[in-house]
């Protein structure tokens, strides 16, 4: 998938007729599309929550893995109901953050990119940060994005979040915080601002997946959304898997060396 692309996959318009005929037609179309990329050594994509026809991928030898996210209906619920749906502890964290921080809109994606890069603390970004400026420009020209920052009274940014939306969802696209100064509720405050934004636009709020561990799950579930599943589908040739493993060995060795250098010597 292209970098900073959240989901991909075929879009097949349902055909009129019996259910059995529609299912067979969709299966046949997707199977034919997958044949056209048989020649690639590696294919991976994340299918959107509305896509459930995994049978053609399984038949073509793809591995399927669940990629959960949370979705919150901000379109049909009043804002006070959405607020009531938050966990009490989360509401208190947001209240305390409001006492110290204000929310400002950032109109320059390069500032967000620099802030994001600085907060990596030397780690490598999983995407090219230079892509954020053209992505912001394209979405901004359509009036479909907003970057918000939680800033203290000294003008110091504690956290920033990049929201982007389509005709149905406001996506929690990217988030970053300065862990050296950030108020514990800075990101929660911005996330609630995103929910308010989704409500004002008459859209659902998509927490955008990434529930990779229990801490992330506990953070997101506190905002009252419902679990929804995307699916990661991958297929690799044996040649690719061997080459990929070989390429990973030097990086693994370097990480091990770096970690060993950070371990303090034992004092006897």
C-alpha atoms as a PDB file:
ATOM      1  CA  UNK A   1       0.000   0.000   0.000  1.00  0.00           C
ATOM      2  CA  UNK A   2       1.161   3.574  -0.532  1.00  0.00           C
ATOM      3  CA  UNK A   3       2.544   5.270   2.566  1.00  0.00           C
ATOM      4  CA  UNK A   4       0.059   6.971   4.938  1.00  0.00           C
ATOM      5  CA  UNK A   5      -2.758   5.085   3.180  1.00  0.00           C
ATOM      6  CA  UNK A   6      -5.080   3.582   5.771  1.00  0.00           C
ATOM      7  CA  UNK A   7      -6.970   1.065   3.652  1.00  0.00           C
ATOM      8  CA  UNK A   8      -7.145  -0.189   0.101  1.00  0.00           C
ATOM      9  CA  UNK A   9      -8.749  -3.014  -1.846  1.00  0.00           C
ATOM     10  CA  UNK A  10     -11.308  -3.506  -4.607  1.00  0.00           C
ATOM     11  CA  UNK A  11     -14.658  -1.725  -4.701  1.00  0.00           C
ATOM     12  CA  UNK A  12     -17.305  -3.807  -6.409  1.00  0.00           C
ATOM     13  CA  UNK A  13     -20.757  -2.372  -7.062  1.00  0.00           C
ATOM     14  CA  UNK A  14     -23.473  -4.865  -6.033  1.00  0.00           C
ATOM     15  CA  UNK A  15     -25.255  -6.408  -9.001  1.00  0.00           C
ATOM     16  CA  UNK A  16     -29.047  -6.634  -9.086  1.00  0.00           C
ATOM     17  CA  UNK A  17     -30.647 -10.046  -8.717  1.00  0.00           C
ATOM     18  CA  UNK A  18     -30.673 -12.918  -6.276  1.00  0.00           C
ATOM     19  CA  UNK A  19     -28.304 -12.950  -3.317  1.00  0.00           C
ATOM     20  CA  UNK A  20     -26.566 -16.059  -4.628  1.00  0.00           C
ATOM     21  CA  UNK A  21     -25.981 -14.431  -8.017  1.00  0.00           C
ATOM     22  CA  UNK A  22     -24.593 -11.228  -6.419  1.00  0.00           C
ATOM     23  CA  UNK A  23     -22.187 -13.166  -4.220  1.00  0.00           C
ATOM     24  CA  UNK A  24     -20.948 -15.309  -7.120  1.00  0.00           C
ATOM     25  CA  UNK A  25     -20.501 -12.233  -9.319  1.00  0.00           C
ATOM     26  CA  UNK A  26     -18.549 -10.319  -6.658  1.00  0.00           C
ATOM     27  CA  UNK A  27     -16.366 -13.343  -5.942  1.00  0.00           C
ATOM     28  CA  UNK A  28     -15.619 -13.789  -9.651  1.00  0.00           C
ATOM     29  CA  UNK A  29     -14.703 -10.112 -10.147  1.00  0.00           C
ATOM     30  CA  UNK A  30     -12.342  -9.998  -7.151  1.00  0.00           C
ATOM     31  CA  UNK A  31     -10.738 -13.307  -8.123  1.00  0.00           C
ATOM     32  CA  UNK A  32     -10.072 -11.939 -11.605  1.00  0.00           C
ATOM     33  CA  UNK A  33      -8.543  -8.751 -10.170  1.00  0.00           C
ATOM     34  CA  UNK A  34      -6.250 -10.769  -7.900  1.00  0.00           C
ATOM     35  CA  UNK A  35      -5.021 -12.793 -10.888  1.00  0.00           C
ATOM     36  CA  UNK A  36      -3.747  -9.545 -12.407  1.00  0.00           C
ATOM     37  CA  UNK A  37      -1.273  -9.080  -9.537  1.00  0.00           C
ATOM     38  CA  UNK A  38      -0.149 -12.727  -9.351  1.00  0.00           C
ATOM     39  CA  UNK A  39       3.250 -11.760 -10.725  1.00  0.00           C
ATOM     40  CA  UNK A  40       4.247  -9.696  -7.703  1.00  0.00           C
ATOM     41  CA  UNK A  41       6.459 -11.241  -5.028  1.00  0.00           C
ATOM     42  CA  UNK A  42       4.622  -9.482  -2.217  1.00  0.00           C
ATOM     43  CA  UNK A  43       1.163  -7.945  -1.917  1.00  0.00           C
ATOM     44  CA  UNK A  44      -0.356  -6.479   1.220  1.00  0.00           C
ATOM     45  CA  UNK A  45      -3.325  -4.262   1.891  1.00  0.00           C
ATOM     46  CA  UNK A  46      -5.776  -3.374   4.625  1.00  0.00           C
ATOM     47  CA  UNK A  47      -9.409  -3.728   3.589  1.00  0.00           C
ATOM     48  CA  UNK A  48     -11.939  -1.225   4.907  1.00  0.00           C
ATOM     49  CA  UNK A  49     -14.577  -2.139   7.487  1.00  0.00           C
ATOM     50  CA  UNK A  50     -17.263  -2.276   4.790  1.00  0.00           C
ATOM     51  CA  UNK A  51     -15.427  -5.037   2.958  1.00  0.00           C
ATOM     52  CA  UNK A  52     -16.279  -8.563   4.096  1.00  0.00           C
ATOM     53  CA  UNK A  53     -15.814 -10.845   1.081  1.00  0.00           C
ATOM     54  CA  UNK A  54     -12.568 -12.500   2.090  1.00  0.00           C
ATOM     55  CA  UNK A  55     -13.212 -15.796   0.292  1.00  0.00           C
ATOM     56  CA  UNK A  56     -11.473 -14.756  -2.988  1.00  0.00           C
ATOM     57  CA  UNK A  57      -8.353 -13.711  -1.057  1.00  0.00           C
ATOM     58  CA  UNK A  58      -8.244 -16.981   0.871  1.00  0.00           C
ATOM     59  CA  UNK A  59      -8.744 -18.943  -2.343  1.00  0.00           C
ATOM     60  CA  UNK A  60      -5.833 -17.033  -3.924  1.00  0.00           C
ATOM     61  CA  UNK A  61      -3.486 -17.978  -1.071  1.00  0.00           C
ATOM     62  CA  UNK A  62      -3.608 -14.768   0.949  1.00  0.00           C
ATOM     63  CA  UNK A  63      -3.149 -14.731   4.706  1.00  0.00           C
ATOM     64  CA  UNK A  64      -5.850 -12.805   6.561  1.00  0.00           C
ATOM     65  CA  UNK A  65      -5.332 -11.012   9.874  1.00  0.00           C
ATOM     66  CA  UNK A  66      -7.827  -8.962  11.871  1.00  0.00           C
ATOM     67  CA  UNK A  67      -7.049  -5.238  12.102  1.00  0.00           C
ATOM     68  CA  UNK A  68      -9.540  -3.826  14.652  1.00  0.00           C
ATOM     69  CA  UNK A  69     -10.569  -0.220  15.053  1.00  0.00           C
ATOM     70  CA  UNK A  70     -13.225   1.697  16.961  1.00  0.00           C
ATOM     71  CA  UNK A  71     -16.046   3.620  15.297  1.00  0.00           C
ATOM     72  CA  UNK A  72     -18.214   6.191  17.076  1.00  0.00           C
ATOM     73  CA  UNK A  73     -21.549   7.391  15.726  1.00  0.00           C
ATOM     74  CA  UNK A  74     -21.267  11.175  16.052  1.00  0.00           C
ATOM     75  CA  UNK A  75     -23.865  11.768  13.360  1.00  0.00           C
ATOM     76  CA  UNK A  76     -27.068  10.725  15.094  1.00  0.00           C
ATOM     77  CA  UNK A  77     -26.182  11.320  18.747  1.00  0.00           C
ATOM     78  CA  UNK A  78     -26.327  14.666  20.621  1.00  0.00           C
ATOM     79  CA  UNK A  79     -22.999  15.956  21.869  1.00  0.00           C
ATOM     80  CA  UNK A  80     -24.039  15.572  25.528  1.00  0.00           C
ATOM     81  CA  UNK A  81     -24.806  11.890  24.889  1.00  0.00           C
ATOM     82  CA  UNK A  82     -21.379  11.451  23.303  1.00  0.00           C
ATOM     83  CA  UNK A  83     -19.768  13.114  26.321  1.00  0.00           C
ATOM     84  CA  UNK A  84     -21.755  10.906  28.703  1.00  0.00           C
ATOM     85  CA  UNK A  85     -20.479   7.868  26.821  1.00  0.00           C
ATOM     86  CA  UNK A  86     -16.884   8.567  27.825  1.00  0.00           C
ATOM     87  CA  UNK A  87     -15.365   6.748  30.754  1.00  0.00           C
ATOM     88  CA  UNK A  88     -15.538   8.906  33.902  1.00  0.00           C
ATOM     89  CA  UNK A  89     -11.754   8.812  34.340  1.00  0.00           C
ATOM     90  CA  UNK A  90     -11.292  10.023  30.752  1.00  0.00           C
ATOM     91  CA  UNK A  91     -13.722  12.895  31.283  1.00  0.00           C
ATOM     92  CA  UNK A  92     -11.797  13.980  34.372  1.00  0.00           C
ATOM     93  CA  UNK A  93      -8.491  13.838  32.460  1.00  0.00           C
ATOM     94  CA  UNK A  94      -9.978  16.050  29.721  1.00  0.00           C
ATOM     95  CA  UNK A  95     -11.350  18.518  32.301  1.00  0.00           C
ATOM     96  CA  UNK A  96      -7.922  18.848  33.925  1.00  0.00           C
ATOM     97  CA  UNK A  97      -6.258  19.295  30.540  1.00  0.00           C
ATOM     98  CA  UNK A  98      -8.688  22.124  29.725  1.00  0.00           C
ATOM     99  CA  UNK A  99      -7.507  23.968  32.837  1.00  0.00           C
ATOM    100  CA  UNK A 100      -3.941  24.151  31.504  1.00  0.00           C
ATOM    101  CA  UNK A 101      -4.199  23.844  27.732  1.00  0.00           C
ATOM    102  CA  UNK A 102      -6.002  25.546  24.882  1.00  0.00           C
ATOM    103  CA  UNK A 103      -6.652  24.118  21.432  1.00  0.00           C
ATOM    104  CA  UNK A 104      -5.244  25.928  18.413  1.00  0.00           C
ATOM    105  CA  UNK A 105      -5.598  25.112  14.751  1.00  0.00           C
ATOM    106  CA  UNK A 106      -2.336  24.694  12.820  1.00  0.00           C
ATOM    107  CA  UNK A 107      -2.418  25.714   9.179  1.00  0.00           C
ATOM    108  CA  UNK A 108       1.076  24.542   8.275  1.00  0.00           C
ATOM    109  CA  UNK A 109       1.617  20.792   7.831  1.00  0.00           C
ATOM    110  CA  UNK A 110       5.393  21.221   7.853  1.00  0.00           C
ATOM    111  CA  UNK A 111       5.184  22.420  11.481  1.00  0.00           C
ATOM    112  CA  UNK A 112       3.272  19.281  12.367  1.00  0.00           C
ATOM    113  CA  UNK A 113       5.833  17.149  10.508  1.00  0.00           C
ATOM    114  CA  UNK A 114       8.741  18.759  12.386  1.00  0.00           C
ATOM    115  CA  UNK A 115       6.960  18.283  15.706  1.00  0.00           C
ATOM    116  CA  UNK A 116       6.159  14.670  14.810  1.00  0.00           C
ATOM    117  CA  UNK A 117       9.777  14.000  13.813  1.00  0.00           C
ATOM    118  CA  UNK A 118      11.202  15.579  16.954  1.00  0.00           C
ATOM    119  CA  UNK A 119       8.956  13.426  19.130  1.00  0.00           C
ATOM    120  CA  UNK A 120      10.361  10.245  17.609  1.00  0.00           C
ATOM    121  CA  UNK A 121      13.440  10.804  19.794  1.00  0.00           C
ATOM    122  CA  UNK A 122      15.777   9.411  17.169  1.00  0.00           C
ATOM    123  CA  UNK A 123      13.595   6.481  16.123  1.00  0.00           C
ATOM    124  CA  UNK A 124      12.858   5.967  12.441  1.00  0.00           C
ATOM    125  CA  UNK A 125       9.459   7.081  11.173  1.00  0.00           C
ATOM    126  CA  UNK A 126       7.413   4.362   9.498  1.00  0.00           C
ATOM    127  CA  UNK A 127       6.550   6.783   6.685  1.00  0.00           C
ATOM    128  CA  UNK A 128       8.190   9.649   4.805  1.00  0.00           C
ATOM    129  CA  UNK A 129       7.348  12.797   6.766  1.00  0.00           C
ATOM    130  CA  UNK A 130       7.665  14.933   3.629  1.00  0.00           C
ATOM    131  CA  UNK A 131       4.425  13.330   2.392  1.00  0.00           C
ATOM    132  CA  UNK A 132       2.398  15.179   5.015  1.00  0.00           C
ATOM    133  CA  UNK A 133       2.624  18.574   3.307  1.00  0.00           C
ATOM    134  CA  UNK A 134       1.138  17.495  -0.063  1.00  0.00           C
ATOM    135  CA  UNK A 135      -1.435  15.299   1.719  1.00  0.00           C
ATOM    136  CA  UNK A 136      -2.509  18.267   3.850  1.00  0.00           C
ATOM    137  CA  UNK A 137      -2.592  20.561   0.804  1.00  0.00           C
ATOM    138  CA  UNK A 138      -4.819  18.160  -1.144  1.00  0.00           C
ATOM    139  CA  UNK A 139      -7.227  17.590   1.753  1.00  0.00           C
ATOM    140  CA  UNK A 140      -7.220  21.274   2.746  1.00  0.00           C
ATOM    141  CA  UNK A 141      -8.132  22.336  -0.794  1.00  0.00           C
ATOM    142  CA  UNK A 142     -11.247  20.180  -0.393  1.00  0.00           C
ATOM    143  CA  UNK A 143     -11.943  21.444   3.123  1.00  0.00           C
ATOM    144  CA  UNK A 144     -11.452  17.958   4.536  1.00  0.00           C
ATOM    145  CA  UNK A 145      -8.688  18.154   7.152  1.00  0.00           C
ATOM    146  CA  UNK A 146      -7.643  19.953  10.290  1.00  0.00           C
ATOM    147  CA  UNK A 147      -4.520  19.931  12.462  1.00  0.00           C
ATOM    148  CA  UNK A 148      -5.093  20.818  16.106  1.00  0.00           C
ATOM    149  CA  UNK A 149      -2.530  21.497  18.827  1.00  0.00           C
ATOM    150  CA  UNK A 150      -2.883  21.496  22.616  1.00  0.00           C
ATOM    151  CA  UNK A 151      -0.841  24.495  23.776  1.00  0.00           C
ATOM    152  CA  UNK A 152      -0.052  25.794  27.270  1.00  0.00           C
ATOM    153  CA  UNK A 153       0.014  29.422  28.480  1.00  0.00           C
ATOM    154  CA  UNK A 154       3.656  29.758  27.403  1.00  0.00           C
ATOM    155  CA  UNK A 155       2.834  28.795  23.841  1.00  0.00           C
ATOM    156  CA  UNK A 156       4.455  25.358  24.164  1.00  0.00           C
ATOM    157  CA  UNK A 157       2.736  22.615  22.180  1.00  0.00           C
ATOM    158  CA  UNK A 158       2.127  19.490  24.249  1.00  0.00           C
ATOM    159  CA  UNK A 159       0.476  17.399  21.530  1.00  0.00           C
ATOM    160  CA  UNK A 160      -0.862  17.687  17.992  1.00  0.00           C
ATOM    161  CA  UNK A 161      -3.379  15.640  16.032  1.00  0.00           C
ATOM    162  CA  UNK A 162      -4.028  15.517  12.295  1.00  0.00           C
ATOM    163  CA  UNK A 163      -7.686  14.824  11.439  1.00  0.00           C
ATOM    164  CA  UNK A 164      -8.835  14.083   7.904  1.00  0.00           C
ATOM    165  CA  UNK A 165     -12.317  13.222   6.700  1.00  0.00           C
ATOM    166  CA  UNK A 166     -14.353  11.857   3.825  1.00  0.00           C
ATOM    167  CA  UNK A 167     -18.095  11.816   3.256  1.00  0.00           C
ATOM    168  CA  UNK A 168     -18.731   9.385   6.135  1.00  0.00           C
ATOM    169  CA  UNK A 169     -15.883   9.411   8.665  1.00  0.00           C
ATOM    170  CA  UNK A 170     -13.579  11.819  10.446  1.00  0.00           C
ATOM    171  CA  UNK A 171     -10.344   9.841  10.766  1.00  0.00           C
ATOM    172  CA  UNK A 172      -7.952  10.075  13.711  1.00  0.00           C
ATOM    173  CA  UNK A 173      -5.174  10.193  11.144  1.00  0.00           C
ATOM    174  CA  UNK A 174      -1.958  10.987  13.034  1.00  0.00           C
ATOM    175  CA  UNK A 175      -1.155  11.905  16.617  1.00  0.00           C
ATOM    176  CA  UNK A 176       2.038  12.961  18.356  1.00  0.00           C
ATOM    177  CA  UNK A 177       3.028  14.382  21.739  1.00  0.00           C
ATOM    178  CA  UNK A 178       6.145  15.750  23.339  1.00  0.00           C
ATOM    179  CA  UNK A 179       6.521  13.203  26.123  1.00  0.00           C
ATOM    180  CA  UNK A 180       8.980  15.478  27.952  1.00  0.00           C
ATOM    181  CA  UNK A 181       6.366  18.171  28.626  1.00  0.00           C
ATOM    182  CA  UNK A 182       2.974  16.781  27.622  1.00  0.00           C
ATOM    183  CA  UNK A 183       0.095  17.020  30.051  1.00  0.00           C
ATOM    184  CA  UNK A 184      -1.369  13.513  30.655  1.00  0.00           C
ATOM    185  CA  UNK A 185      -4.640  14.631  29.104  1.00  0.00           C
ATOM    186  CA  UNK A 186      -3.276  16.504  26.070  1.00  0.00           C
ATOM    187  CA  UNK A 187      -4.028  13.803  23.507  1.00  0.00           C
ATOM    188  CA  UNK A 188      -7.380  12.958  25.103  1.00  0.00           C
ATOM    189  CA  UNK A 189      -8.370  16.628  24.898  1.00  0.00           C
ATOM    190  CA  UNK A 190      -7.525  16.712  21.187  1.00  0.00           C
ATOM    191  CA  UNK A 191      -9.291  13.428  20.557  1.00  0.00           C
ATOM    192  CA  UNK A 192     -12.447  14.804  22.141  1.00  0.00           C
ATOM    193  CA  UNK A 193     -12.083  17.880  19.910  1.00  0.00           C
ATOM    194  CA  UNK A 194     -12.035  15.474  16.952  1.00  0.00           C
ATOM    195  CA  UNK A 195     -15.249  13.863  18.162  1.00  0.00           C
ATOM    196  CA  UNK A 196     -16.832  17.317  18.449  1.00  0.00           C
ATOM    197  CA  UNK A 197     -15.635  18.026  14.909  1.00  0.00           C
ATOM    198  CA  UNK A 198     -17.218  14.806  13.622  1.00  0.00           C
ATOM    199  CA  UNK A 199     -20.480  15.730  15.344  1.00  0.00           C
ATOM    200  CA  UNK A 200     -20.480  19.213  13.790  1.00  0.00           C
ATOM    201  CA  UNK A 201     -19.879  17.686  10.340  1.00  0.00           C
ATOM    202  CA  UNK A 202     -22.525  14.995  10.767  1.00  0.00           C
ATOM    203  CA  UNK A 203     -20.057  12.116  10.429  1.00  0.00           C
ATOM    204  CA  UNK A 204     -18.868   9.060  12.313  1.00  0.00           C
ATOM    205  CA  UNK A 205     -15.517   9.171  14.084  1.00  0.00           C
ATOM    206  CA  UNK A 206     -12.993   6.524  13.083  1.00  0.00           C
ATOM    207  CA  UNK A 207     -10.277   5.889  15.670  1.00  0.00           C
ATOM    208  CA  UNK A 208      -8.273   4.518  12.741  1.00  0.00           C
ATOM    209  CA  UNK A 209      -7.072   1.142  13.992  1.00  0.00           C
ATOM    210  CA  UNK A 210      -3.665   0.602  15.455  1.00  0.00           C
ATOM    211  CA  UNK A 211      -4.958  -1.358  18.482  1.00  0.00           C
ATOM    212  CA  UNK A 212      -1.657  -3.175  18.717  1.00  0.00           C
ATOM    213  CA  UNK A 213      -1.515  -3.607  22.485  1.00  0.00           C
ATOM    214  CA  UNK A 214      -3.662  -3.565  25.594  1.00  0.00           C
ATOM    215  CA  UNK A 215      -2.669  -0.020  26.587  1.00  0.00           C
ATOM    216  CA  UNK A 216      -3.803   1.313  23.205  1.00  0.00           C
ATOM    217  CA  UNK A 217      -7.051  -0.640  23.489  1.00  0.00           C
ATOM    218  CA  UNK A 218      -7.793   0.699  26.980  1.00  0.00           C
ATOM    219  CA  UNK A 219      -7.106   4.261  25.835  1.00  0.00           C
ATOM    220  CA  UNK A 220      -9.447   4.066  22.844  1.00  0.00           C
ATOM    221  CA  UNK A 221     -12.293   2.067  24.366  1.00  0.00           C
ATOM    222  CA  UNK A 222     -12.707   4.796  27.004  1.00  0.00           C
ATOM    223  CA  UNK A 223     -14.206   7.113  24.356  1.00  0.00           C
ATOM    224  CA  UNK A 224     -17.309   5.002  23.841  1.00  0.00           C
ATOM    225  CA  UNK A 225     -16.807   3.713  20.312  1.00  0.00           C
ATOM    226  CA  UNK A 226     -17.803   0.301  19.019  1.00  0.00           C
ATOM    227  CA  UNK A 227     -15.330  -2.287  17.773  1.00  0.00           C
ATOM    228  CA  UNK A 228     -15.198  -2.822  14.027  1.00  0.00           C
ATOM    229  CA  UNK A 229     -12.850  -5.040  12.070  1.00  0.00           C
ATOM    230  CA  UNK A 230     -10.698  -4.257   9.102  1.00  0.00           C
ATOM    231  CA  UNK A 231      -8.666  -7.080   7.620  1.00  0.00           C
ATOM    232  CA  UNK A 232      -5.024  -7.175   6.560  1.00  0.00           C
ATOM    233  CA  UNK A 233      -4.487  -9.459   3.578  1.00  0.00           C
ATOM    234  CA  UNK A 234      -0.990 -10.495   2.499  1.00  0.00           C
ATOM    235  CA  UNK A 235       0.585 -12.894   0.037  1.00  0.00           C
ATOM    236  CA  UNK A 236       4.326 -13.480  -0.412  1.00  0.00           C
ATOM    237  CA  UNK A 237       6.395 -15.814  -2.540  1.00  0.00           C
ATOM    238  CA  UNK A 238       9.008 -18.018  -0.859  1.00  0.00           C
ATOM    239  CA  UNK A 239      11.713 -15.988  -2.635  1.00  0.00           C
ATOM    240  CA  UNK A 240      10.408 -12.760  -1.121  1.00  0.00           C
ATOM    241  CA  UNK A 241      10.199 -14.234   2.390  1.00  0.00           C
ATOM    242  CA  UNK A 242      13.831 -15.388   2.226  1.00  0.00           C
ATOM    243  CA  UNK A 243      15.061 -12.029   0.933  1.00  0.00           C
ATOM    244  CA  UNK A 244      12.977 -10.111   3.461  1.00  0.00           C
ATOM    245  CA  UNK A 245      14.423 -12.144   6.328  1.00  0.00           C
ATOM    246  CA  UNK A 246      17.980 -11.570   5.103  1.00  0.00           C
ATOM    247  CA  UNK A 247      17.401  -7.797   4.879  1.00  0.00           C
ATOM    248  CA  UNK A 248      16.080  -7.709   8.438  1.00  0.00           C
ATOM    249  CA  UNK A 249      19.164  -9.365   9.979  1.00  0.00           C
ATOM    250  CA  UNK A 250      21.470  -6.284   9.863  1.00  0.00           C
ATOM    251  CA  UNK A 251      18.765  -4.039  11.334  1.00  0.00           C
ATOM    252  CA  UNK A 252      18.099  -6.532  14.133  1.00  0.00           C
ATOM    253  CA  UNK A 253      21.805  -6.731  14.906  1.00  0.00           C
ATOM    254  CA  UNK A 254      22.111  -2.940  15.013  1.00  0.00           C
ATOM    255  CA  UNK A 255      19.129  -2.667  17.363  1.00  0.00           C
ATOM    256  CA  UNK A 256      20.713  -5.257  19.628  1.00  0.00           C
ATOM    257  CA  UNK A 257      24.026  -3.383  19.676  1.00  0.00           C
ATOM    258  CA  UNK A 258      22.275  -0.086  20.368  1.00  0.00           C
ATOM    259  CA  UNK A 259      20.257  -1.611  23.217  1.00  0.00           C
ATOM    260  CA  UNK A 260      23.345  -3.136  24.779  1.00  0.00           C
ATOM    261  CA  UNK A 261      25.080   0.232  24.789  1.00  0.00           C
ATOM    262  CA  UNK A 262      22.210   1.771  26.724  1.00  0.00           C
ATOM    263  CA  UNK A 263      22.401  -0.829  29.522  1.00  0.00           C
ATOM    264  CA  UNK A 264      24.451   0.628  32.409  1.00  0.00           C
ATOM    265  CA  UNK A 265      27.373  -1.358  33.707  1.00  0.00           C
ATOM    266  CA  UNK A 266      26.752  -3.246  36.930  1.00  0.00           C
ATOM    267  CA  UNK A 267      28.428  -1.650  39.921  1.00  0.00           C
ATOM    268  CA  UNK A 268      30.315  -4.283  41.959  1.00  0.00           C
END
